[in-house]
Amino acid sequence: MDMRRIAISAAWSSFVRQKEWSESIAGDHYTDFDALYRQYYPRILVFLCFLVGKPEVAEDLASLVFEKALVHLADMQAPDTAGPWLFRVARNCTTDYFRRCKPTVSLEQLITEEHPQAESLEAAAIASEEQRYLLAHLEQLTERERVAIGLKFVAGLHNREIARVLQIPEGTVGSLLYRALRRLRAALDGEGGRDGGSS
């Protein structure tokens, strides 16, 4: 009878320890997710807004990104891989969105009604024209170049993080950004040169 009591006690203790361990893991899981959400949500949202051009769609896609993060949080091997993984999921969600909806969203929708630094009507017109040129030339870049520019200048990622998101070597990121920015600069200088020559 004592052996039976000891076996039941040992089994019960094992069950309680396992339950406490799984509860602590679940608690850590949600704590980790909360920290991840607070750290990355604003940058993911801005990045998605840059890619899709509509804040309401970007919010829906950001929700989808973090829903996937909650489901797969336990699969992440190291904390430093979480950010690049989230941006990769965001890019994939955007690609899926464009495949499904085939929207005709122009980057011009990203232009604010009034340029924040416009002090006069003339300054506002010049700023609006500059934005129009920039957005027109951004549309001429490849998707990969636009994503790299969005990750660098909108989401504020470093080249190493961009390399993880795009799954390319870090040196390739630098070359990709350099070529894309050089193309933008040349196109904008060409626009300025044409306008300047017609005056």
N, C-alpha and C. Protein backbone atom coordinates (compact mmCIF):
# COMPACT_ATOMS: atom_id res chain seq x y z
N MET A 1 0.82 -1.19 0.00
CA MET A 1 0.00 0.00 0.00
C MET A 1 0.86 1.24 0.00
N ASP A 2 1.97 1.22 0.73
CA ASP A 2 2.85 2.38 0.78
C ASP A 2 3.49 2.62 -0.59
N MET A 3 3.84 1.54 -1.30
CA MET A 3 4.45 1.69 -2.62
C MET A 3 3.47 2.34 -3.59
N ARG A 4 2.24 1.97 -3.48
CA ARG A 4 1.22 2.53 -4.35
C ARG A 4 1.05 4.01 -4.06
N ARG A 5 1.05 4.39 -2.81
CA ARG A 5 0.93 5.78 -2.40
C ARG A 5 2.14 6.58 -2.89
N ILE A 6 3.32 6.01 -2.82
CA ILE A 6 4.54 6.68 -3.28
C ILE A 6 4.47 6.87 -4.79
N ALA A 7 4.02 5.85 -5.52
CA ALA A 7 3.92 5.95 -6.98
C ALA A 7 2.92 7.02 -7.39
N ILE A 8 1.77 7.06 -6.69
CA ILE A 8 0.76 8.08 -6.99
C ILE A 8 1.30 9.46 -6.65
N SER A 9 1.97 9.58 -5.52
CA SER A 9 2.55 10.85 -5.11
C SER A 9 3.60 11.33 -6.13
N ALA A 10 4.44 10.40 -6.57
CA ALA A 10 5.47 10.75 -7.55
C ALA A 10 4.83 11.16 -8.87
N ALA A 11 3.81 10.44 -9.30
CA ALA A 11 3.12 10.77 -10.55
C ALA A 11 2.45 12.13 -10.44
N TRP A 12 1.81 12.37 -9.28
CA TRP A 12 1.14 13.65 -9.06
C TRP A 12 2.16 14.80 -9.07
N SER A 13 3.26 14.61 -8.39
CA SER A 13 4.32 15.64 -8.35
C SER A 13 4.85 15.92 -9.76
N SER A 14 5.05 14.88 -10.53
CA SER A 14 5.52 15.04 -11.89
C SER A 14 4.50 15.81 -12.73
N PHE A 15 3.22 15.46 -12.55
CA PHE A 15 2.15 16.15 -13.27
C PHE A 15 2.11 17.63 -12.91
N VAL A 16 2.20 17.94 -11.62
CA VAL A 16 2.17 19.33 -11.15
C VAL A 16 3.37 20.10 -11.70
N ARG A 17 4.56 19.50 -11.64
CA ARG A 17 5.75 20.17 -12.17
C ARG A 17 5.61 20.44 -13.67
N GLN A 18 5.11 19.45 -14.40
CA GLN A 18 4.94 19.61 -15.84
C GLN A 18 3.91 20.70 -16.14
N LYS A 19 2.84 20.74 -15.37
CA LYS A 19 1.81 21.76 -15.57
C LYS A 19 2.37 23.15 -15.27
N GLU A 20 3.11 23.27 -14.16
CA GLU A 20 3.72 24.56 -13.82
C GLU A 20 4.71 24.98 -14.90
N TRP A 21 5.50 24.04 -15.41
CA TRP A 21 6.47 24.35 -16.44
C TRP A 21 5.77 24.83 -17.71
N SER A 22 4.70 24.13 -18.13
CA SER A 22 4.00 24.53 -19.36
C SER A 22 3.31 25.88 -19.17
N GLU A 23 2.79 26.15 -17.96
CA GLU A 23 2.18 27.46 -17.70
C GLU A 23 3.23 28.56 -17.73
N SER A 24 4.41 28.28 -17.17
CA SER A 24 5.46 29.30 -17.19
C SER A 24 5.94 29.55 -18.62
N ILE A 25 6.01 28.48 -19.42
CA ILE A 25 6.40 28.66 -20.82
C ILE A 25 5.34 29.48 -21.54
N ALA A 26 4.07 29.18 -21.30
CA ALA A 26 3.00 29.94 -21.94
C ALA A 26 3.05 31.39 -21.49
N GLY A 27 3.30 31.62 -20.21
CA GLY A 27 3.43 32.99 -19.71
C GLY A 27 4.58 33.71 -20.37
N ASP A 28 5.73 33.03 -20.48
CA ASP A 28 6.89 33.62 -21.15
C ASP A 28 6.58 33.87 -22.63
N HIS A 29 5.84 32.96 -23.23
CA HIS A 29 5.47 33.08 -24.63
C HIS A 29 4.72 34.39 -24.86
N TYR A 30 3.71 34.66 -24.02
CA TYR A 30 2.94 35.88 -24.18
C TYR A 30 3.73 37.11 -23.76
N THR A 31 4.60 36.99 -22.80
CA THR A 31 5.46 38.10 -22.41
C THR A 31 6.41 38.42 -23.55
N ASP A 32 7.00 37.40 -24.17
CA ASP A 32 7.88 37.60 -25.31
C ASP A 32 7.13 38.24 -26.47
N PHE A 33 5.91 37.78 -26.72
CA PHE A 33 5.12 38.34 -27.80
C PHE A 33 4.81 39.81 -27.53
N ASP A 34 4.46 40.13 -26.31
CA ASP A 34 4.15 41.52 -25.96
C ASP A 34 5.36 42.41 -26.20
N ALA A 35 6.52 41.97 -25.79
CA ALA A 35 7.75 42.75 -26.01
C ALA A 35 8.03 42.88 -27.51
N LEU A 36 7.86 41.81 -28.24
CA LEU A 36 8.08 41.81 -29.68
C LEU A 36 7.11 42.78 -30.37
N TYR A 37 5.87 42.74 -29.95
CA TYR A 37 4.84 43.62 -30.52
C TYR A 37 5.17 45.08 -30.25
N ARG A 38 5.51 45.40 -29.02
CA ARG A 38 5.84 46.79 -28.67
C ARG A 38 7.08 47.27 -29.44
N GLN A 39 8.04 46.41 -29.62
CA GLN A 39 9.28 46.81 -30.28
C GLN A 39 9.11 46.99 -31.79
N TYR A 40 8.34 46.11 -32.44
CA TYR A 40 8.32 46.09 -33.89
C TYR A 40 7.04 46.60 -34.55
N TYR A 41 5.94 46.67 -33.84
CA TYR A 41 4.68 47.05 -34.49
C TYR A 41 4.76 48.40 -35.22
N PRO A 42 5.28 49.46 -34.58
CA PRO A 42 5.30 50.75 -35.30
C PRO A 42 6.11 50.69 -36.60
N ARG A 43 7.27 50.03 -36.57
CA ARG A 43 8.11 49.96 -37.77
C ARG A 43 7.49 49.06 -38.84
N ILE A 44 6.86 47.98 -38.42
CA ILE A 44 6.18 47.09 -39.38
C ILE A 44 5.03 47.84 -40.04
N LEU A 45 4.26 48.59 -39.25
CA LEU A 45 3.12 49.33 -39.78
C LEU A 45 3.57 50.38 -40.79
N VAL A 46 4.60 51.15 -40.47
CA VAL A 46 5.10 52.17 -41.39
C VAL A 46 5.62 51.53 -42.67
N PHE A 47 6.34 50.44 -42.53
CA PHE A 47 6.86 49.72 -43.69
C PHE A 47 5.72 49.23 -44.58
N LEU A 48 4.70 48.63 -43.98
CA LEU A 48 3.56 48.14 -44.75
C LEU A 48 2.81 49.30 -45.42
N CYS A 49 2.70 50.42 -44.72
CA CYS A 49 2.05 51.60 -45.28
C CYS A 49 2.82 52.09 -46.51
N PHE A 50 4.14 52.05 -46.42
CA PHE A 50 4.98 52.43 -47.56
C PHE A 50 4.74 51.49 -48.74
N LEU A 51 4.60 50.20 -48.47
CA LEU A 51 4.44 49.22 -49.55
C LEU A 51 3.06 49.25 -50.18
N VAL A 52 2.00 49.39 -49.37
CA VAL A 52 0.65 49.29 -49.92
C VAL A 52 -0.01 50.65 -50.16
N GLY A 53 0.45 51.68 -49.48
CA GLY A 53 -0.08 53.02 -49.73
C GLY A 53 -1.40 53.34 -49.07
N LYS A 54 -1.97 52.41 -48.33
CA LYS A 54 -3.25 52.65 -47.66
C LYS A 54 -3.11 52.28 -46.19
N PRO A 55 -3.28 53.24 -45.29
CA PRO A 55 -3.10 52.95 -43.86
C PRO A 55 -4.02 51.85 -43.32
N GLU A 56 -5.27 51.82 -43.78
CA GLU A 56 -6.20 50.81 -43.27
C GLU A 56 -5.79 49.40 -43.71
N VAL A 57 -5.30 49.26 -44.93
CA VAL A 57 -4.82 47.96 -45.42
C VAL A 57 -3.54 47.59 -44.66
N ALA A 58 -2.67 48.58 -44.44
CA ALA A 58 -1.43 48.33 -43.71
C ALA A 58 -1.73 47.83 -42.29
N GLU A 59 -2.74 48.40 -41.64
CA GLU A 59 -3.12 47.94 -40.30
C GLU A 59 -3.62 46.50 -40.32
N ASP A 60 -4.42 46.17 -41.33
CA ASP A 60 -4.91 44.78 -41.46
C ASP A 60 -3.75 43.82 -41.68
N LEU A 61 -2.82 44.21 -42.54
CA LEU A 61 -1.67 43.34 -42.82
C LEU A 61 -0.77 43.23 -41.59
N ALA A 62 -0.61 44.32 -40.84
CA ALA A 62 0.20 44.27 -39.61
C ALA A 62 -0.44 43.31 -38.60
N SER A 63 -1.74 43.32 -38.52
CA SER A 63 -2.43 42.37 -37.64
C SER A 63 -2.15 40.94 -38.06
N LEU A 64 -2.17 40.71 -39.35
CA LEU A 64 -1.89 39.38 -39.88
C LEU A 64 -0.46 38.96 -39.57
N VAL A 65 0.48 39.90 -39.71
CA VAL A 65 1.89 39.62 -39.41
C VAL A 65 2.04 39.19 -37.95
N PHE A 66 1.43 39.93 -37.04
CA PHE A 66 1.59 39.61 -35.63
C PHE A 66 0.75 38.41 -35.19
N GLU A 67 -0.29 38.11 -35.94
CA GLU A 67 -1.03 36.86 -35.69
C GLU A 67 -0.11 35.67 -36.01
N LYS A 68 0.59 35.78 -37.14
CA LYS A 68 1.53 34.71 -37.51
C LYS A 68 2.68 34.64 -36.50
N ALA A 69 3.10 35.79 -36.01
CA ALA A 69 4.19 35.82 -35.02
C ALA A 69 3.76 35.11 -33.74
N LEU A 70 2.52 35.33 -33.32
CA LEU A 70 2.03 34.68 -32.10
C LEU A 70 2.00 33.17 -32.27
N VAL A 71 1.56 32.72 -33.43
CA VAL A 71 1.48 31.29 -33.70
C VAL A 71 2.87 30.64 -33.76
N HIS A 72 3.83 31.36 -34.35
CA HIS A 72 5.15 30.77 -34.60
C HIS A 72 6.25 31.27 -33.66
N LEU A 73 5.88 31.96 -32.61
CA LEU A 73 6.88 32.53 -31.70
C LEU A 73 7.78 31.45 -31.10
N ALA A 74 7.22 30.33 -30.77
CA ALA A 74 8.00 29.26 -30.15
C ALA A 74 9.01 28.66 -31.14
N ASP A 75 8.76 28.83 -32.44
CA ASP A 75 9.66 28.28 -33.45
C ASP A 75 10.92 29.12 -33.65
N MET A 76 10.89 30.35 -33.19
CA MET A 76 12.05 31.22 -33.40
C MET A 76 13.22 30.75 -32.55
N GLN A 77 14.35 30.61 -33.20
CA GLN A 77 15.54 30.07 -32.54
C GLN A 77 16.23 31.08 -31.64
N ALA A 78 16.38 32.31 -32.13
CA ALA A 78 17.11 33.33 -31.38
C ALA A 78 16.36 34.65 -31.45
N PRO A 79 16.45 35.46 -30.40
CA PRO A 79 15.73 36.73 -30.39
C PRO A 79 16.15 37.68 -31.51
N ASP A 80 17.42 37.63 -31.93
CA ASP A 80 17.87 38.56 -32.95
C ASP A 80 17.34 38.20 -34.34
N THR A 81 16.71 37.05 -34.50
CA THR A 81 16.12 36.69 -35.79
C THR A 81 14.66 37.14 -35.89
N ALA A 82 14.08 37.58 -34.80
CA ALA A 82 12.65 37.94 -34.79
C ALA A 82 12.35 39.12 -35.70
N GLY A 83 13.14 40.18 -35.62
CA GLY A 83 12.88 41.37 -36.43
C GLY A 83 12.93 41.08 -37.92
N PRO A 84 14.03 40.51 -38.41
CA PRO A 84 14.08 40.20 -39.84
C PRO A 84 12.96 39.24 -40.27
N TRP A 85 12.64 38.28 -39.41
CA TRP A 85 11.56 37.34 -39.74
C TRP A 85 10.24 38.09 -39.87
N LEU A 86 9.96 39.03 -38.95
CA LEU A 86 8.71 39.81 -39.01
C LEU A 86 8.63 40.63 -40.30
N PHE A 87 9.74 41.27 -40.68
CA PHE A 87 9.73 42.07 -41.91
C PHE A 87 9.57 41.18 -43.14
N ARG A 88 10.13 39.98 -43.11
CA ARG A 88 9.96 39.05 -44.22
C ARG A 88 8.50 38.61 -44.32
N VAL A 89 7.88 38.34 -43.16
CA VAL A 89 6.45 37.98 -43.14
C VAL A 89 5.63 39.16 -43.66
N ALA A 90 5.99 40.37 -43.25
CA ALA A 90 5.27 41.56 -43.72
C ALA A 90 5.37 41.69 -45.24
N ARG A 91 6.56 41.50 -45.77
CA ARG A 91 6.74 41.57 -47.23
C ARG A 91 5.92 40.49 -47.92
N ASN A 92 5.92 39.27 -47.37
CA ASN A 92 5.15 38.18 -47.96
C ASN A 92 3.65 38.44 -47.88
N CYS A 93 3.19 39.00 -46.77
CA CYS A 93 1.77 39.34 -46.64
C CYS A 93 1.38 40.40 -47.67
N THR A 94 2.28 41.35 -47.92
CA THR A 94 2.03 42.38 -48.92
C THR A 94 1.94 41.77 -50.31
N THR A 95 2.86 40.86 -50.61
CA THR A 95 2.84 40.19 -51.91
C THR A 95 1.54 39.42 -52.09
N ASP A 96 1.12 38.70 -51.05
CA ASP A 96 -0.15 37.96 -51.11
C ASP A 96 -1.34 38.91 -51.32
N TYR A 97 -1.30 40.04 -50.62
CA TYR A 97 -2.36 41.04 -50.76
C TYR A 97 -2.45 41.54 -52.20
N PHE A 98 -1.31 41.88 -52.80
CA PHE A 98 -1.31 42.37 -54.18
C PHE A 98 -1.75 41.28 -55.17
N ARG A 99 -1.42 40.05 -54.90
CA ARG A 99 -1.86 38.94 -55.77
C ARG A 99 -3.37 38.76 -55.70
N ARG A 100 -3.88 38.83 -54.47
CA ARG A 100 -5.31 38.64 -54.26
C ARG A 100 -6.14 39.79 -54.83
N CYS A 101 -5.75 40.98 -54.51
CA CYS A 101 -6.59 42.15 -54.81
C CYS A 101 -6.24 42.84 -56.11
N LYS A 102 -5.00 42.73 -56.53
CA LYS A 102 -4.50 43.46 -57.70
C LYS A 102 -4.97 44.91 -57.66
N PRO A 103 -4.67 45.61 -56.55
CA PRO A 103 -5.14 46.99 -56.42
C PRO A 103 -4.35 47.93 -57.34
N THR A 104 -4.95 49.05 -57.62
CA THR A 104 -4.27 50.07 -58.41
C THR A 104 -3.96 51.24 -57.48
N VAL A 105 -3.06 51.00 -56.56
CA VAL A 105 -2.66 52.01 -55.59
C VAL A 105 -1.43 52.71 -56.13
N SER A 106 -1.49 54.00 -56.14
CA SER A 106 -0.35 54.79 -56.59
C SER A 106 0.42 55.26 -55.38
N LEU A 107 1.72 55.37 -55.55
CA LEU A 107 2.53 55.91 -54.46
C LEU A 107 2.17 57.36 -54.16
N GLU A 108 1.50 58.03 -55.10
CA GLU A 108 1.10 59.42 -54.87
C GLU A 108 0.14 59.54 -53.71
N GLN A 109 -0.56 58.47 -53.35
CA GLN A 109 -1.47 58.52 -52.21
C GLN A 109 -0.71 58.71 -50.91
N LEU A 110 0.59 58.49 -50.94
CA LEU A 110 1.40 58.68 -49.74
C LEU A 110 1.71 60.15 -49.49
N ILE A 111 1.50 61.00 -50.51
CA ILE A 111 1.79 62.43 -50.37
C ILE A 111 0.77 63.03 -49.41
N THR A 112 1.27 63.78 -48.47
CA THR A 112 0.38 64.44 -47.52
C THR A 112 -0.27 65.63 -48.20
N GLU A 113 -1.40 66.05 -47.68
CA GLU A 113 -2.13 67.18 -48.25
C GLU A 113 -1.28 68.44 -48.29
N GLU A 114 -0.56 68.66 -47.23
CA GLU A 114 0.25 69.87 -47.15
C GLU A 114 1.64 69.48 -46.67
N HIS A 115 2.65 69.93 -47.37
CA HIS A 115 4.04 69.64 -46.98
C HIS A 115 4.29 70.31 -45.64
N PRO A 116 4.83 69.59 -44.64
CA PRO A 116 4.97 70.16 -43.30
C PRO A 116 5.92 71.35 -43.23
N GLN A 117 6.83 71.48 -44.20
CA GLN A 117 7.79 72.58 -44.14
C GLN A 117 7.41 73.71 -45.08
N ALA A 118 6.25 73.61 -45.71
CA ALA A 118 5.85 74.63 -46.65
C ALA A 118 5.44 75.90 -45.91
N GLU A 119 6.16 76.99 -46.19
CA GLU A 119 5.86 78.25 -45.52
C GLU A 119 5.07 79.18 -46.43
N SER A 120 5.09 78.93 -47.72
CA SER A 120 4.35 79.78 -48.65
C SER A 120 3.71 78.90 -49.71
N LEU A 121 2.88 79.50 -50.50
CA LEU A 121 2.23 78.77 -51.59
C LEU A 121 3.26 78.26 -52.59
N GLU A 122 4.26 79.08 -52.87
CA GLU A 122 5.32 78.69 -53.81
C GLU A 122 6.13 77.51 -53.25
N ALA A 123 6.48 77.58 -51.97
CA ALA A 123 7.23 76.48 -51.34
C ALA A 123 6.42 75.20 -51.34
N ALA A 124 5.12 75.31 -51.10
CA ALA A 124 4.25 74.13 -51.12
C ALA A 124 4.19 73.53 -52.51
N ALA A 125 4.12 74.37 -53.54
CA ALA A 125 4.07 73.88 -54.92
C ALA A 125 5.38 73.18 -55.28
N ILE A 126 6.51 73.75 -54.88
CA ILE A 126 7.81 73.14 -55.16
C ILE A 126 7.93 71.80 -54.44
N ALA A 127 7.53 71.77 -53.16
CA ALA A 127 7.60 70.53 -52.38
C ALA A 127 6.71 69.45 -53.00
N SER A 128 5.52 69.83 -53.44
CA SER A 128 4.60 68.88 -54.06
C SER A 128 5.19 68.33 -55.35
N GLU A 129 5.81 69.19 -56.13
CA GLU A 129 6.43 68.76 -57.39
C GLU A 129 7.60 67.81 -57.12
N GLU A 130 8.42 68.11 -56.10
CA GLU A 130 9.53 67.23 -55.74
C GLU A 130 9.03 65.86 -55.32
N GLN A 131 7.97 65.84 -54.52
CA GLN A 131 7.40 64.56 -54.09
C GLN A 131 6.85 63.77 -55.28
N ARG A 132 6.21 64.49 -56.20
CA ARG A 132 5.65 63.82 -57.38
C ARG A 132 6.76 63.17 -58.20
N TYR A 133 7.86 63.91 -58.39
CA TYR A 133 9.01 63.35 -59.12
C TYR A 133 9.58 62.14 -58.41
N LEU A 134 9.78 62.26 -57.11
CA LEU A 134 10.36 61.16 -56.35
C LEU A 134 9.49 59.92 -56.43
N LEU A 135 8.19 60.09 -56.21
CA LEU A 135 7.28 58.94 -56.24
C LEU A 135 7.20 58.32 -57.64
N ALA A 136 7.21 59.16 -58.66
CA ALA A 136 7.18 58.64 -60.03
C ALA A 136 8.42 57.80 -60.30
N HIS A 137 9.57 58.24 -59.81
CA HIS A 137 10.79 57.49 -60.05
C HIS A 137 10.91 56.28 -59.13
N LEU A 138 10.33 56.32 -57.95
CA LEU A 138 10.30 55.14 -57.08
C LEU A 138 9.52 54.01 -57.76
N GLU A 139 8.46 54.37 -58.47
CA GLU A 139 7.66 53.36 -59.16
C GLU A 139 8.45 52.69 -60.28
N GLN A 140 9.51 53.34 -60.78
CA GLN A 140 10.33 52.79 -61.86
C GLN A 140 11.34 51.77 -61.34
N LEU A 141 11.58 51.75 -60.03
CA LEU A 141 12.54 50.79 -59.46
C LEU A 141 11.91 49.41 -59.42
N THR A 142 12.75 48.40 -59.29
CA THR A 142 12.23 47.04 -59.14
C THR A 142 11.59 46.89 -57.76
N GLU A 143 10.77 45.88 -57.60
CA GLU A 143 10.14 45.65 -56.30
C GLU A 143 11.20 45.45 -55.22
N ARG A 144 12.24 44.72 -55.55
CA ARG A 144 13.32 44.44 -54.58
C ARG A 144 14.00 45.73 -54.15
N GLU A 145 14.23 46.65 -55.09
CA GLU A 145 14.85 47.92 -54.76
C GLU A 145 13.93 48.78 -53.89
N ARG A 146 12.63 48.80 -54.24
CA ARG A 146 11.67 49.57 -53.42
C ARG A 146 11.59 49.00 -52.00
N VAL A 147 11.57 47.68 -51.89
CA VAL A 147 11.51 47.06 -50.55
C VAL A 147 12.76 47.41 -49.76
N ALA A 148 13.93 47.34 -50.40
CA ALA A 148 15.18 47.67 -49.70
C ALA A 148 15.17 49.13 -49.25
N ILE A 149 14.71 50.03 -50.10
CA ILE A 149 14.63 51.45 -49.73
C ILE A 149 13.63 51.65 -48.60
N GLY A 150 12.50 50.95 -48.67
CA GLY A 150 11.51 51.04 -47.59
C GLY A 150 12.05 50.53 -46.27
N LEU A 151 12.76 49.41 -46.31
CA LEU A 151 13.33 48.86 -45.09
C LEU A 151 14.38 49.79 -44.51
N LYS A 152 15.18 50.41 -45.37
CA LYS A 152 16.28 51.27 -44.91
C LYS A 152 15.77 52.62 -44.41
N PHE A 153 14.97 53.30 -45.23
CA PHE A 153 14.63 54.69 -44.93
C PHE A 153 13.25 54.88 -44.29
N VAL A 154 12.37 53.90 -44.41
CA VAL A 154 11.06 54.02 -43.77
C VAL A 154 11.05 53.25 -42.45
N ALA A 155 11.50 51.99 -42.49
CA ALA A 155 11.49 51.18 -41.27
C ALA A 155 12.73 51.41 -40.42
N GLY A 156 13.78 52.00 -41.00
CA GLY A 156 14.98 52.33 -40.23
C GLY A 156 15.87 51.15 -39.90
N LEU A 157 15.86 50.12 -40.75
CA LEU A 157 16.70 48.94 -40.49
C LEU A 157 18.13 49.18 -40.97
N HIS A 158 19.07 48.49 -40.35
CA HIS A 158 20.47 48.51 -40.78
C HIS A 158 20.65 47.49 -41.90
N ASN A 159 21.74 47.62 -42.65
CA ASN A 159 21.98 46.72 -43.78
C ASN A 159 21.98 45.25 -43.37
N ARG A 160 22.53 44.95 -42.19
CA ARG A 160 22.56 43.55 -41.72
C ARG A 160 21.14 43.02 -41.54
N GLU A 161 20.25 43.85 -40.98
CA GLU A 161 18.86 43.43 -40.78
C GLU A 161 18.14 43.29 -42.13
N ILE A 162 18.42 44.20 -43.05
CA ILE A 162 17.81 44.12 -44.38
C ILE A 162 18.27 42.84 -45.07
N ALA A 163 19.54 42.49 -44.91
CA ALA A 163 20.06 41.26 -45.50
C ALA A 163 19.30 40.05 -44.98
N ARG A 164 19.00 40.04 -43.70
CA ARG A 164 18.24 38.92 -43.13
C ARG A 164 16.82 38.87 -43.68
N VAL A 165 16.21 40.05 -43.83
CA VAL A 165 14.84 40.10 -44.34
C VAL A 165 14.79 39.61 -45.79
N LEU A 166 15.70 40.12 -46.61
CA LEU A 166 15.70 39.77 -48.03
C LEU A 166 16.42 38.46 -48.31
N GLN A 167 17.07 37.93 -47.28
CA GLN A 167 17.83 36.67 -47.39
C GLN A 167 18.89 36.76 -48.48
N ILE A 168 19.67 37.84 -48.39
CA ILE A 168 20.79 38.05 -49.30
C ILE A 168 22.00 38.48 -48.48
N PRO A 169 23.22 38.39 -49.02
CA PRO A 169 24.39 38.83 -48.26
C PRO A 169 24.34 40.33 -47.95
N GLU A 170 24.96 40.70 -46.85
CA GLU A 170 24.95 42.10 -46.42
C GLU A 170 25.58 43.01 -47.47
N GLY A 171 26.66 42.57 -48.11
CA GLY A 171 27.29 43.37 -49.16
C GLY A 171 26.36 43.63 -50.33
N THR A 172 25.52 42.66 -50.63
CA THR A 172 24.56 42.81 -51.72
C THR A 172 23.54 43.89 -51.39
N VAL A 173 23.17 43.99 -50.12
CA VAL A 173 22.23 45.04 -49.69
C VAL A 173 22.83 46.40 -49.97
N GLY A 174 24.11 46.59 -49.59
CA GLY A 174 24.77 47.87 -49.84
C GLY A 174 24.80 48.20 -51.32
N SER A 175 25.12 47.21 -52.15
CA SER A 175 25.16 47.43 -53.60
C SER A 175 23.77 47.73 -54.15
N LEU A 176 22.77 47.00 -53.67
CA LEU A 176 21.39 47.20 -54.11
C LEU A 176 20.92 48.61 -53.79
N LEU A 177 21.17 49.05 -52.55
CA LEU A 177 20.77 50.41 -52.15
C LEU A 177 21.55 51.46 -52.94
N TYR A 178 22.84 51.23 -53.11
CA TYR A 178 23.67 52.20 -53.84
C TYR A 178 23.16 52.37 -55.27
N ARG A 179 22.90 51.25 -55.95
CA ARG A 179 22.42 51.33 -57.34
C ARG A 179 21.05 51.98 -57.42
N ALA A 180 20.15 51.61 -56.51
CA ALA A 180 18.81 52.18 -56.53
C ALA A 180 18.85 53.69 -56.26
N LEU A 181 19.63 54.09 -55.27
CA LEU A 181 19.72 55.52 -54.97
C LEU A 181 20.41 56.28 -56.09
N ARG A 182 21.41 55.67 -56.72
CA ARG A 182 22.09 56.31 -57.84
C ARG A 182 21.11 56.50 -59.01
N ARG A 183 20.27 55.48 -59.27
CA ARG A 183 19.27 55.61 -60.33
C ARG A 183 18.26 56.70 -60.00
N LEU A 184 17.83 56.75 -58.75
CA LEU A 184 16.88 57.81 -58.34
C LEU A 184 17.51 59.18 -58.50
N ARG A 185 18.76 59.31 -58.02
CA ARG A 185 19.44 60.60 -58.08
C ARG A 185 19.62 61.04 -59.54
N ALA A 186 20.04 60.13 -60.39
CA ALA A 186 20.24 60.46 -61.81
C ALA A 186 18.92 60.87 -62.46
N ALA A 187 17.85 60.14 -62.15
CA ALA A 187 16.54 60.46 -62.72
C ALA A 187 16.06 61.83 -62.22
N LEU A 188 16.24 62.10 -60.94
CA LEU A 188 15.81 63.39 -60.40
C LEU A 188 16.66 64.52 -60.93
N ASP A 189 17.98 64.29 -61.08
CA ASP A 189 18.84 65.32 -61.67
C ASP A 189 18.44 65.57 -63.10
N GLY A 190 18.08 64.51 -63.82
CA GLY A 190 17.62 64.65 -65.21
C GLY A 190 16.33 65.46 -65.30
N GLU A 191 15.42 65.22 -64.38
CA GLU A 191 14.17 65.99 -64.33
C GLU A 191 14.46 67.45 -64.06
N GLY A 192 15.36 67.69 -63.09
CA GLY A 192 15.72 69.07 -62.73
C GLY A 192 16.43 69.75 -63.87
N GLY A 193 17.29 69.00 -64.60
CA GLY A 193 18.03 69.57 -65.73
C GLY A 193 17.09 69.94 -66.86
N ARG A 194 16.07 69.08 -67.12
CA ARG A 194 15.11 69.38 -68.19
C ARG A 194 14.29 70.61 -67.85
N ASP A 195 13.82 70.68 -66.59
CA ASP A 195 13.01 71.82 -66.18
C ASP A 195 13.83 73.09 -66.18
N GLY A 196 15.10 72.94 -65.73
CA GLY A 196 15.97 74.10 -65.66
C GLY A 196 16.31 74.63 -67.04
N GLY A 197 16.41 73.74 -68.05
CA GLY A 197 16.76 74.15 -69.38
C GLY A 197 15.60 74.82 -70.11
N SER A 198 14.37 74.56 -69.72
CA SER A 198 13.22 75.13 -70.41
C SER A 198 12.85 76.49 -69.88
N SER A 199 13.43 76.95 -68.79
CA SER A 199 13.07 78.25 -68.22
C SER A 199 13.71 79.39 -68.97
